[in-house]
Amino acid sequence: MKVYIEPIGRLINEFSKLPGVGAKTAQRFAYKVINMSKEEALAFSEAIINVKNNVRYCKICGNFSENDVCDICKIRSADTICVVKEPKDVIAIEKLNEFNGVYHVLHGTISPLDGIGPNDINIKGLLERISKGGINEVIMATNPDVEGEATAMYISNLLKPLGIKVSRLAHGIPIGTDLEYADEVSLARAFIDRKTL
């Protein structure tokens, strides 16, 4: 005997394909959709179709855009490039209102264990941008994990011979954390990245 009728089972199956959504959450999402008004359900489905039809990657930086070139690349000075793993990282940095340069989205990081090498991410696009000149600094803002560090080092080794200043976001202990609870890697990185007061 089937647990769900076909339309509900299919909807649960589709929701369960989303990252971080397990069977119970997918079921809750499906029931929420069932209990929406027809207008709400149509608005929800139209939002999904609209995203698929109108969002693309900026041909310069690789960030999400509605046009061939994103708004950041259109209006900001391109002398400083912040390199990130994914478009969601651009949003995280933009919320700080501290960075006024442009971005370069790699769409991944080097991960030999997963079969992802330098040619599988958008490093070539970064090198093409730099070859046009006018770049003073490249800030590596990849995650402070093994893959992010390996990617930052790989790109840094490519850029340093070109005379480009390459910097890395500082890592260390988050504000409000007691030293006794900090992990060894974060504590070691905090010592390495210490600043003069």
N, C-alpha and C. Protein backbone atom coordinates (compact mmCIF):
# COMPACT_ATOMS: atom_id res chain seq x y z
N MET A 1 0.83 -1.20 0.00
CA MET A 1 0.00 0.00 0.00
C MET A 1 0.87 1.25 0.00
N LYS A 2 0.53 2.24 -0.85
CA LYS A 2 1.27 3.49 -0.91
C LYS A 2 0.98 4.33 0.33
N VAL A 3 2.01 4.98 0.84
CA VAL A 3 1.84 5.86 2.00
C VAL A 3 1.18 7.17 1.57
N TYR A 4 1.63 7.72 0.44
CA TYR A 4 1.11 8.99 -0.07
C TYR A 4 0.46 8.76 -1.43
N ILE A 5 -0.56 9.56 -1.71
CA ILE A 5 -1.07 9.54 -3.07
C ILE A 5 -0.02 10.15 -3.98
N GLU A 6 -0.04 9.84 -5.26
CA GLU A 6 1.04 10.19 -6.20
C GLU A 6 1.40 11.68 -6.20
N PRO A 7 0.46 12.62 -6.28
CA PRO A 7 0.87 14.03 -6.32
C PRO A 7 1.63 14.48 -5.07
N ILE A 8 1.19 13.99 -3.89
CA ILE A 8 1.88 14.37 -2.65
C ILE A 8 3.25 13.70 -2.59
N GLY A 9 3.31 12.44 -2.94
CA GLY A 9 4.60 11.73 -2.95
C GLY A 9 5.60 12.38 -3.88
N ARG A 10 5.12 12.82 -5.04
CA ARG A 10 6.02 13.47 -6.00
C ARG A 10 6.53 14.80 -5.45
N LEU A 11 5.65 15.58 -4.80
CA LEU A 11 6.06 16.86 -4.24
C LEU A 11 7.07 16.66 -3.11
N ILE A 12 6.81 15.69 -2.25
CA ILE A 12 7.76 15.38 -1.17
C ILE A 12 9.11 14.98 -1.76
N ASN A 13 9.09 14.16 -2.78
CA ASN A 13 10.32 13.72 -3.44
C ASN A 13 11.10 14.91 -4.00
N GLU A 14 10.40 15.87 -4.62
CA GLU A 14 11.08 17.05 -5.18
C GLU A 14 11.69 17.91 -4.08
N PHE A 15 10.94 18.14 -3.00
CA PHE A 15 11.48 18.93 -1.89
C PHE A 15 12.69 18.23 -1.25
N SER A 16 12.67 16.91 -1.18
CA SER A 16 13.77 16.19 -0.54
C SER A 16 15.07 16.26 -1.35
N LYS A 17 14.99 16.73 -2.59
CA LYS A 17 16.20 16.90 -3.41
C LYS A 17 16.97 18.16 -3.04
N LEU A 18 16.33 19.07 -2.28
CA LEU A 18 17.00 20.30 -1.87
C LEU A 18 18.04 20.00 -0.80
N PRO A 19 19.17 20.71 -0.81
CA PRO A 19 20.21 20.43 0.19
C PRO A 19 19.72 20.71 1.60
N GLY A 20 20.01 19.82 2.50
CA GLY A 20 19.64 19.99 3.90
C GLY A 20 18.20 19.66 4.22
N VAL A 21 17.44 19.21 3.23
CA VAL A 21 16.03 18.88 3.45
C VAL A 21 15.88 17.37 3.54
N GLY A 22 15.54 16.90 4.73
CA GLY A 22 15.31 15.48 4.92
C GLY A 22 13.86 15.12 4.64
N ALA A 23 13.53 13.87 4.89
CA ALA A 23 12.18 13.37 4.59
C ALA A 23 11.09 14.10 5.37
N LYS A 24 11.32 14.33 6.65
CA LYS A 24 10.29 14.99 7.47
C LYS A 24 10.10 16.45 7.05
N THR A 25 11.20 17.16 6.79
CA THR A 25 11.09 18.55 6.35
C THR A 25 10.41 18.62 4.99
N ALA A 26 10.75 17.71 4.09
CA ALA A 26 10.11 17.68 2.77
C ALA A 26 8.61 17.45 2.92
N GLN A 27 8.25 16.58 3.83
CA GLN A 27 6.83 16.31 4.09
C GLN A 27 6.13 17.58 4.61
N ARG A 28 6.78 18.29 5.55
CA ARG A 28 6.19 19.54 6.08
C ARG A 28 6.02 20.57 4.98
N PHE A 29 7.04 20.70 4.11
CA PHE A 29 6.95 21.64 3.00
C PHE A 29 5.77 21.28 2.09
N ALA A 30 5.63 20.00 1.79
CA ALA A 30 4.56 19.55 0.90
C ALA A 30 3.19 19.87 1.51
N TYR A 31 3.04 19.59 2.80
CA TYR A 31 1.76 19.89 3.46
C TYR A 31 1.49 21.39 3.48
N LYS A 32 2.55 22.18 3.62
CA LYS A 32 2.38 23.65 3.59
C LYS A 32 1.85 24.08 2.22
N VAL A 33 2.42 23.52 1.16
CA VAL A 33 1.96 23.85 -0.19
C VAL A 33 0.51 23.42 -0.39
N ILE A 34 0.15 22.24 0.09
CA ILE A 34 -1.22 21.75 -0.03
C ILE A 34 -2.20 22.71 0.64
N ASN A 35 -1.78 23.29 1.78
CA ASN A 35 -2.66 24.18 2.53
C ASN A 35 -2.63 25.63 2.06
N MET A 36 -1.78 25.95 1.07
CA MET A 36 -1.77 27.30 0.49
C MET A 36 -3.03 27.50 -0.35
N SER A 37 -3.38 28.77 -0.50
CA SER A 37 -4.44 29.06 -1.47
C SER A 37 -3.87 28.82 -2.87
N LYS A 38 -4.74 28.69 -3.84
CA LYS A 38 -4.27 28.48 -5.21
C LYS A 38 -3.41 29.65 -5.67
N GLU A 39 -3.78 30.88 -5.25
CA GLU A 39 -3.02 32.07 -5.63
C GLU A 39 -1.61 32.03 -5.03
N GLU A 40 -1.51 31.62 -3.75
CA GLU A 40 -0.19 31.53 -3.10
C GLU A 40 0.67 30.47 -3.78
N ALA A 41 0.07 29.33 -4.10
CA ALA A 41 0.81 28.26 -4.76
C ALA A 41 1.28 28.69 -6.15
N LEU A 42 0.45 29.41 -6.88
CA LEU A 42 0.85 29.92 -8.20
C LEU A 42 1.98 30.93 -8.07
N ALA A 43 1.89 31.83 -7.08
CA ALA A 43 2.96 32.82 -6.87
C ALA A 43 4.27 32.12 -6.54
N PHE A 44 4.20 31.06 -5.73
CA PHE A 44 5.38 30.28 -5.36
C PHE A 44 6.00 29.63 -6.59
N SER A 45 5.17 28.98 -7.39
CA SER A 45 5.68 28.30 -8.59
C SER A 45 6.19 29.31 -9.62
N GLU A 46 5.53 30.46 -9.73
CA GLU A 46 5.99 31.49 -10.67
C GLU A 46 7.34 32.07 -10.25
N ALA A 47 7.56 32.19 -8.93
CA ALA A 47 8.86 32.68 -8.44
C ALA A 47 9.98 31.72 -8.84
N ILE A 48 9.72 30.42 -8.78
CA ILE A 48 10.72 29.43 -9.18
C ILE A 48 10.99 29.53 -10.69
N ILE A 49 9.94 29.62 -11.48
CA ILE A 49 10.10 29.72 -12.94
C ILE A 49 10.82 31.02 -13.30
N ASN A 50 10.46 32.11 -12.60
CA ASN A 50 11.08 33.41 -12.86
C ASN A 50 12.59 33.37 -12.61
N VAL A 51 12.99 32.73 -11.51
CA VAL A 51 14.42 32.60 -11.21
C VAL A 51 15.12 31.80 -12.31
N LYS A 52 14.51 30.70 -12.71
CA LYS A 52 15.14 29.87 -13.76
C LYS A 52 15.24 30.59 -15.09
N ASN A 53 14.26 31.43 -15.40
CA ASN A 53 14.25 32.13 -16.68
C ASN A 53 15.11 33.39 -16.70
N ASN A 54 15.29 34.04 -15.54
CA ASN A 54 15.88 35.38 -15.54
C ASN A 54 17.20 35.53 -14.81
N VAL A 55 17.66 34.51 -14.11
CA VAL A 55 18.93 34.63 -13.40
C VAL A 55 19.99 33.87 -14.17
N ARG A 56 21.10 34.55 -14.39
CA ARG A 56 22.24 33.94 -15.10
C ARG A 56 23.51 34.36 -14.36
N TYR A 57 24.65 33.92 -14.85
CA TYR A 57 25.93 34.33 -14.28
C TYR A 57 26.46 35.54 -15.02
N CYS A 58 26.98 36.51 -14.26
CA CYS A 58 27.64 37.68 -14.84
C CYS A 58 28.81 37.18 -15.69
N LYS A 59 28.93 37.70 -16.90
CA LYS A 59 29.99 37.21 -17.79
C LYS A 59 31.38 37.72 -17.37
N ILE A 60 31.42 38.67 -16.43
CA ILE A 60 32.71 39.17 -15.94
C ILE A 60 33.14 38.44 -14.67
N CYS A 61 32.27 38.45 -13.66
CA CYS A 61 32.67 37.93 -12.34
C CYS A 61 32.10 36.57 -11.99
N GLY A 62 31.02 36.14 -12.64
CA GLY A 62 30.42 34.86 -12.33
C GLY A 62 29.37 34.91 -11.23
N ASN A 63 29.03 36.12 -10.74
CA ASN A 63 27.99 36.26 -9.74
C ASN A 63 26.62 36.14 -10.40
N PHE A 64 25.56 35.95 -9.60
CA PHE A 64 24.22 35.94 -10.15
C PHE A 64 23.87 37.32 -10.70
N SER A 65 23.14 37.35 -11.80
CA SER A 65 22.75 38.60 -12.42
C SER A 65 21.50 38.40 -13.25
N GLU A 66 20.75 39.49 -13.44
CA GLU A 66 19.61 39.45 -14.35
C GLU A 66 20.05 39.82 -15.76
N ASN A 67 21.24 40.41 -15.87
CA ASN A 67 21.77 40.86 -17.16
C ASN A 67 23.10 40.17 -17.44
N ASP A 68 23.67 40.45 -18.60
CA ASP A 68 24.97 39.84 -18.93
C ASP A 68 26.06 40.26 -17.95
N VAL A 69 25.97 41.52 -17.45
CA VAL A 69 26.94 42.04 -16.48
C VAL A 69 26.17 42.47 -15.24
N CYS A 70 26.64 42.03 -14.07
CA CYS A 70 25.94 42.35 -12.81
C CYS A 70 26.13 43.82 -12.44
N ASP A 71 25.30 44.29 -11.52
CA ASP A 71 25.33 45.69 -11.10
C ASP A 71 26.65 46.06 -10.43
N ILE A 72 27.26 45.14 -9.71
CA ILE A 72 28.53 45.43 -9.03
C ILE A 72 29.63 45.68 -10.06
N CYS A 73 29.72 44.82 -11.06
CA CYS A 73 30.74 45.00 -12.10
C CYS A 73 30.51 46.28 -12.92
N LYS A 74 29.26 46.70 -13.05
CA LYS A 74 28.93 47.90 -13.83
C LYS A 74 29.39 49.18 -13.16
N ILE A 75 29.29 49.23 -11.82
CA ILE A 75 29.48 50.53 -11.16
C ILE A 75 30.74 50.66 -10.31
N ARG A 76 31.40 49.58 -9.98
CA ARG A 76 32.54 49.68 -9.07
C ARG A 76 33.88 49.64 -9.78
N SER A 77 34.85 50.22 -9.10
CA SER A 77 36.23 50.19 -9.59
C SER A 77 36.73 48.75 -9.54
N ALA A 78 37.38 48.33 -10.61
CA ALA A 78 37.83 46.94 -10.73
C ALA A 78 39.30 46.76 -10.36
N ASP A 79 39.88 47.69 -9.58
CA ASP A 79 41.30 47.55 -9.25
C ASP A 79 41.54 46.55 -8.11
N THR A 80 40.49 46.22 -7.36
CA THR A 80 40.60 45.21 -6.31
C THR A 80 39.53 44.15 -6.54
N ILE A 81 39.98 42.89 -6.59
CA ILE A 81 39.06 41.77 -6.82
C ILE A 81 39.05 40.88 -5.59
N CYS A 82 37.86 40.58 -5.11
CA CYS A 82 37.69 39.65 -3.99
C CYS A 82 37.24 38.31 -4.57
N VAL A 83 38.04 37.28 -4.37
CA VAL A 83 37.76 35.95 -4.92
C VAL A 83 37.01 35.13 -3.89
N VAL A 84 35.83 34.60 -4.29
CA VAL A 84 34.99 33.81 -3.41
C VAL A 84 34.63 32.48 -4.07
N LYS A 85 34.14 31.55 -3.27
CA LYS A 85 33.78 30.23 -3.78
C LYS A 85 32.47 30.24 -4.55
N GLU A 86 31.43 30.88 -3.97
CA GLU A 86 30.08 30.81 -4.53
C GLU A 86 29.40 32.17 -4.49
N PRO A 87 28.34 32.37 -5.30
CA PRO A 87 27.61 33.64 -5.26
C PRO A 87 27.07 34.00 -3.88
N LYS A 88 26.72 33.02 -3.06
CA LYS A 88 26.20 33.34 -1.73
C LYS A 88 27.27 34.01 -0.85
N ASP A 89 28.55 33.78 -1.17
CA ASP A 89 29.63 34.43 -0.43
C ASP A 89 29.69 35.93 -0.75
N VAL A 90 29.32 36.29 -1.98
CA VAL A 90 29.26 37.71 -2.35
C VAL A 90 28.23 38.40 -1.47
N ILE A 91 27.08 37.79 -1.28
CA ILE A 91 26.02 38.38 -0.47
C ILE A 91 26.49 38.57 0.96
N ALA A 92 27.19 37.59 1.52
CA ALA A 92 27.69 37.68 2.89
C ALA A 92 28.65 38.86 3.05
N ILE A 93 29.54 39.06 2.08
CA ILE A 93 30.49 40.17 2.16
C ILE A 93 29.80 41.50 1.91
N GLU A 94 28.86 41.54 0.99
CA GLU A 94 28.13 42.78 0.70
C GLU A 94 27.35 43.28 1.91
N LYS A 95 26.85 42.38 2.73
CA LYS A 95 26.09 42.78 3.92
C LYS A 95 26.95 43.57 4.90
N LEU A 96 28.27 43.41 4.83
CA LEU A 96 29.17 44.11 5.74
C LEU A 96 29.34 45.59 5.39
N ASN A 97 29.11 45.94 4.12
CA ASN A 97 29.33 47.31 3.63
C ASN A 97 30.75 47.79 3.88
N GLU A 98 31.73 46.90 3.77
CA GLU A 98 33.13 47.23 4.01
C GLU A 98 33.98 47.14 2.75
N PHE A 99 33.52 46.44 1.74
CA PHE A 99 34.32 46.20 0.54
C PHE A 99 33.70 46.95 -0.63
N ASN A 100 34.54 47.72 -1.35
CA ASN A 100 34.03 48.53 -2.46
C ASN A 100 34.58 48.11 -3.82
N GLY A 101 35.25 46.97 -3.87
CA GLY A 101 35.79 46.49 -5.14
C GLY A 101 34.80 45.58 -5.84
N VAL A 102 35.34 44.72 -6.69
CA VAL A 102 34.52 43.77 -7.44
C VAL A 102 34.85 42.35 -6.97
N TYR A 103 34.10 41.40 -7.48
CA TYR A 103 34.25 40.00 -7.06
C TYR A 103 34.64 39.12 -8.23
N HIS A 104 35.10 37.92 -7.86
CA HIS A 104 35.29 36.86 -8.84
C HIS A 104 34.83 35.57 -8.18
N VAL A 105 33.82 34.94 -8.76
CA VAL A 105 33.23 33.73 -8.18
C VAL A 105 33.84 32.51 -8.87
N LEU A 106 34.45 31.64 -8.08
CA LEU A 106 35.12 30.45 -8.62
C LEU A 106 34.15 29.32 -8.95
N HIS A 107 33.01 29.29 -8.30
CA HIS A 107 32.03 28.19 -8.44
C HIS A 107 32.64 26.86 -8.02
N GLY A 108 33.34 26.90 -6.89
CA GLY A 108 33.93 25.70 -6.33
C GLY A 108 35.32 25.96 -5.79
N THR A 109 35.91 24.94 -5.24
CA THR A 109 37.29 25.00 -4.77
C THR A 109 38.01 23.73 -5.20
N ILE A 110 39.32 23.81 -5.22
CA ILE A 110 40.13 22.64 -5.59
C ILE A 110 39.97 21.56 -4.52
N SER A 111 39.60 20.38 -4.95
CA SER A 111 39.38 19.26 -4.02
C SER A 111 39.74 17.95 -4.72
N PRO A 112 41.02 17.57 -4.68
CA PRO A 112 41.44 16.35 -5.36
C PRO A 112 40.66 15.10 -4.94
N LEU A 113 40.25 15.03 -3.68
CA LEU A 113 39.50 13.86 -3.21
C LEU A 113 38.13 13.75 -3.90
N ASP A 114 37.59 14.90 -4.31
CA ASP A 114 36.31 14.91 -5.03
C ASP A 114 36.51 14.99 -6.54
N GLY A 115 37.75 14.91 -6.98
CA GLY A 115 38.04 14.96 -8.41
C GLY A 115 37.92 16.35 -9.01
N ILE A 116 38.04 17.41 -8.18
CA ILE A 116 37.93 18.79 -8.67
C ILE A 116 39.32 19.41 -8.69
N GLY A 117 39.78 19.70 -9.88
CA GLY A 117 41.09 20.31 -10.05
C GLY A 117 40.97 21.78 -10.45
N PRO A 118 42.10 22.45 -10.66
CA PRO A 118 42.10 23.87 -11.02
C PRO A 118 41.31 24.17 -12.30
N ASN A 119 41.28 23.23 -13.25
CA ASN A 119 40.56 23.47 -14.50
C ASN A 119 39.05 23.30 -14.37
N ASP A 120 38.60 22.80 -13.21
CA ASP A 120 37.18 22.57 -13.00
C ASP A 120 36.47 23.75 -12.35
N ILE A 121 37.23 24.76 -11.93
CA ILE A 121 36.64 25.97 -11.35
C ILE A 121 37.08 27.18 -12.17
N ASN A 122 36.54 28.34 -11.86
CA ASN A 122 36.70 29.53 -12.70
C ASN A 122 38.00 30.30 -12.45
N ILE A 123 39.13 29.61 -12.45
CA ILE A 123 40.42 30.28 -12.29
C ILE A 123 40.83 30.94 -13.61
N LYS A 124 40.56 30.29 -14.72
CA LYS A 124 40.91 30.84 -16.03
C LYS A 124 40.29 32.22 -16.23
N GLY A 125 39.03 32.39 -15.82
CA GLY A 125 38.36 33.69 -15.94
C GLY A 125 39.06 34.76 -15.13
N LEU A 126 39.56 34.40 -13.95
CA LEU A 126 40.30 35.35 -13.11
C LEU A 126 41.59 35.77 -13.79
N LEU A 127 42.32 34.81 -14.34
CA LEU A 127 43.58 35.13 -15.02
C LEU A 127 43.34 36.01 -16.25
N GLU A 128 42.23 35.78 -16.95
CA GLU A 128 41.89 36.63 -18.10
C GLU A 128 41.61 38.06 -17.67
N ARG A 129 40.91 38.23 -16.55
CA ARG A 129 40.63 39.57 -16.04
C ARG A 129 41.91 40.29 -15.67
N ILE A 130 42.82 39.57 -15.01
CA ILE A 130 44.07 40.17 -14.56
C ILE A 130 44.96 40.52 -15.74
N SER A 131 44.92 39.70 -16.79
CA SER A 131 45.77 39.96 -17.96
C SER A 131 45.41 41.26 -18.67
N LYS A 132 44.20 41.77 -18.44
CA LYS A 132 43.78 43.04 -19.06
C LYS A 132 44.38 44.25 -18.35
N GLY A 133 44.97 44.03 -17.17
CA GLY A 133 45.65 45.10 -16.45
C GLY A 133 44.71 45.87 -15.53
N GLY A 134 45.33 46.76 -14.72
CA GLY A 134 44.57 47.63 -13.84
C GLY A 134 44.20 47.02 -12.50
N ILE A 135 44.67 45.82 -12.22
CA ILE A 135 44.35 45.16 -10.94
C ILE A 135 45.50 45.40 -9.97
N ASN A 136 45.18 45.98 -8.80
CA ASN A 136 46.20 46.24 -7.78
C ASN A 136 46.27 45.15 -6.73
N GLU A 137 45.11 44.56 -6.41
CA GLU A 137 45.09 43.57 -5.34
C GLU A 137 44.02 42.53 -5.60
N VAL A 138 44.33 41.29 -5.22
CA VAL A 138 43.36 40.20 -5.24
C VAL A 138 43.25 39.70 -3.80
N ILE A 139 42.03 39.74 -3.27
CA ILE A 139 41.77 39.28 -1.91
C ILE A 139 41.17 37.88 -1.99
N MET A 140 41.83 36.92 -1.38
CA MET A 140 41.33 35.55 -1.37
C MET A 140 40.37 35.40 -0.18
N ALA A 141 39.09 35.19 -0.49
CA ALA A 141 38.06 35.07 0.55
C ALA A 141 37.38 33.71 0.47
N THR A 142 38.16 32.68 0.15
CA THR A 142 37.61 31.32 0.16
C THR A 142 37.50 30.86 1.61
N ASN A 143 36.72 29.82 1.84
CA ASN A 143 36.49 29.33 3.20
C ASN A 143 37.79 28.86 3.84
N PRO A 144 37.89 28.98 5.16
CA PRO A 144 39.11 28.56 5.85
C PRO A 144 39.14 27.06 6.14
N ASP A 145 38.80 26.26 5.12
CA ASP A 145 38.89 24.81 5.24
C ASP A 145 40.02 24.33 4.34
N VAL A 146 40.26 23.04 4.30
CA VAL A 146 41.38 22.50 3.54
C VAL A 146 41.28 22.88 2.07
N GLU A 147 40.09 22.73 1.47
CA GLU A 147 39.91 23.04 0.05
C GLU A 147 40.07 24.54 -0.21
N GLY A 148 39.50 25.37 0.67
CA GLY A 148 39.61 26.82 0.51
C GLY A 148 41.04 27.31 0.62
N GLU A 149 41.78 26.74 1.58
CA GLU A 149 43.19 27.11 1.76
C GLU A 149 44.02 26.67 0.56
N ALA A 150 43.77 25.45 0.07
CA ALA A 150 44.52 24.94 -1.08
C ALA A 150 44.25 25.80 -2.32
N THR A 151 43.01 26.20 -2.50
CA THR A 151 42.65 27.04 -3.65
C THR A 151 43.30 28.41 -3.53
N ALA A 152 43.28 28.99 -2.34
CA ALA A 152 43.90 30.30 -2.12
C ALA A 152 45.40 30.25 -2.40
N MET A 153 46.05 29.20 -1.94
CA MET A 153 47.49 29.07 -2.17
C MET A 153 47.80 28.86 -3.65
N TYR A 154 47.00 28.04 -4.32
CA TYR A 154 47.21 27.78 -5.74
C TYR A 154 47.10 29.08 -6.54
N ILE A 155 46.04 29.84 -6.30
CA ILE A 155 45.84 31.10 -7.03
C ILE A 155 46.92 32.10 -6.68
N SER A 156 47.29 32.17 -5.41
CA SER A 156 48.35 33.07 -4.97
C SER A 156 49.66 32.78 -5.69
N ASN A 157 49.98 31.51 -5.84
CA ASN A 157 51.21 31.12 -6.53
C ASN A 157 51.16 31.47 -8.02
N LEU A 158 49.97 31.50 -8.61
CA LEU A 158 49.83 31.92 -10.01
C LEU A 158 49.99 33.43 -10.18
N LEU A 159 49.51 34.19 -9.18
CA LEU A 159 49.45 35.65 -9.32
C LEU A 159 50.70 36.39 -8.87
N LYS A 160 51.39 35.86 -7.88
CA LYS A 160 52.56 36.57 -7.35
C LYS A 160 53.61 36.86 -8.42
N PRO A 161 53.92 35.92 -9.33
CA PRO A 161 54.91 36.25 -10.38
C PRO A 161 54.44 37.37 -11.31
N LEU A 162 53.15 37.66 -11.32
CA LEU A 162 52.62 38.73 -12.17
C LEU A 162 52.71 40.10 -11.50
N GLY A 163 53.21 40.12 -10.27
CA GLY A 163 53.35 41.38 -9.55
C GLY A 163 52.05 41.87 -8.92
N ILE A 164 51.09 40.99 -8.78
CA ILE A 164 49.81 41.35 -8.18
C ILE A 164 49.88 41.09 -6.68
N LYS A 165 49.44 42.08 -5.88
CA LYS A 165 49.37 41.88 -4.44
C LYS A 165 48.23 40.90 -4.16
N VAL A 166 48.54 39.84 -3.42
CA VAL A 166 47.52 38.85 -3.05
C VAL A 166 47.43 38.83 -1.53
N SER A 167 46.20 39.02 -1.02
CA SER A 167 46.00 38.98 0.42
C SER A 167 44.94 37.93 0.75
N ARG A 168 44.89 37.56 2.01
CA ARG A 168 43.96 36.52 2.47
C ARG A 168 43.18 37.10 3.64
N LEU A 169 41.89 36.83 3.72
CA LEU A 169 41.13 37.26 4.88
C LEU A 169 41.75 36.67 6.13
N ALA A 170 41.81 37.45 7.21
CA ALA A 170 42.35 36.96 8.47
C ALA A 170 41.43 35.91 9.05
N HIS A 171 42.01 34.95 9.73
CA HIS A 171 41.25 33.90 10.40
C HIS A 171 41.64 33.90 11.86
N GLY A 172 40.82 33.37 12.68
CA GLY A 172 41.18 33.27 14.08
C GLY A 172 39.99 32.99 14.95
N ILE A 173 40.03 33.55 16.14
CA ILE A 173 39.01 33.27 17.14
C ILE A 173 37.87 34.28 16.99
N PRO A 174 36.64 33.79 16.88
CA PRO A 174 35.50 34.72 16.80
C PRO A 174 35.35 35.53 18.08
N ILE A 175 34.89 36.76 17.96
CA ILE A 175 34.66 37.61 19.13
C ILE A 175 33.62 36.94 20.00
N GLY A 176 33.88 36.94 21.30
CA GLY A 176 32.94 36.34 22.25
C GLY A 176 33.27 34.89 22.59
N THR A 177 34.30 34.33 21.96
CA THR A 177 34.67 32.94 22.23
C THR A 177 35.74 32.89 23.31
N ASP A 178 35.57 32.02 24.30
CA ASP A 178 36.60 31.81 25.31
C ASP A 178 37.72 30.98 24.70
N LEU A 179 38.97 31.31 25.04
CA LEU A 179 40.12 30.60 24.48
C LEU A 179 40.06 29.10 24.74
N GLU A 180 39.55 28.72 25.92
CA GLU A 180 39.52 27.29 26.24
C GLU A 180 38.61 26.50 25.31
N TYR A 181 37.65 27.19 24.65
CA TYR A 181 36.72 26.49 23.75
C TYR A 181 37.11 26.62 22.28
N ALA A 182 38.13 27.40 21.98
CA ALA A 182 38.56 27.57 20.59
C ALA A 182 39.27 26.31 20.11
N ASP A 183 39.01 25.92 18.87
CA ASP A 183 39.71 24.74 18.35
C ASP A 183 41.16 25.12 18.05
N GLU A 184 42.01 24.11 17.97
CA GLU A 184 43.44 24.33 17.81
C GLU A 184 43.80 25.06 16.53
N VAL A 185 43.11 24.74 15.43
CA VAL A 185 43.41 25.37 14.14
C VAL A 185 43.10 26.86 14.20
N SER A 186 41.92 27.22 14.75
CA SER A 186 41.55 28.64 14.85
C SER A 186 42.50 29.40 15.77
N LEU A 187 42.88 28.78 16.88
CA LEU A 187 43.79 29.42 17.82
C LEU A 187 45.17 29.62 17.19
N ALA A 188 45.66 28.61 16.49
CA ALA A 188 46.95 28.74 15.81
C ALA A 188 46.89 29.83 14.74
N ARG A 189 45.79 29.87 14.00
CA ARG A 189 45.65 30.88 12.94
C ARG A 189 45.58 32.28 13.54
N ALA A 190 44.96 32.41 14.71
CA ALA A 190 44.88 33.72 15.38
C ALA A 190 46.28 34.21 15.75
N PHE A 191 47.17 33.31 16.16
CA PHE A 191 48.54 33.71 16.46
C PHE A 191 49.28 34.14 15.21
N ILE A 192 49.09 33.39 14.14
CA ILE A 192 49.77 33.71 12.88
C ILE A 192 49.30 35.06 12.32
N ASP A 193 47.99 35.34 12.42
CA ASP A 193 47.41 36.55 11.86
C ASP A 193 47.32 37.70 12.85
N ARG A 194 48.08 37.63 13.95
CA ARG A 194 47.99 38.68 14.98
C ARG A 194 48.44 40.02 14.41
N LYS A 195 47.89 41.11 15.02
CA LYS A 195 48.19 42.47 14.56
C LYS A 195 48.85 43.26 15.70
N THR A 196 49.64 44.25 15.32
CA THR A 196 50.24 45.14 16.31
C THR A 196 49.19 46.15 16.75
N LEU A 197 49.13 46.40 18.05
CA LEU A 197 48.16 47.37 18.59
C LEU A 197 48.83 48.71 18.80
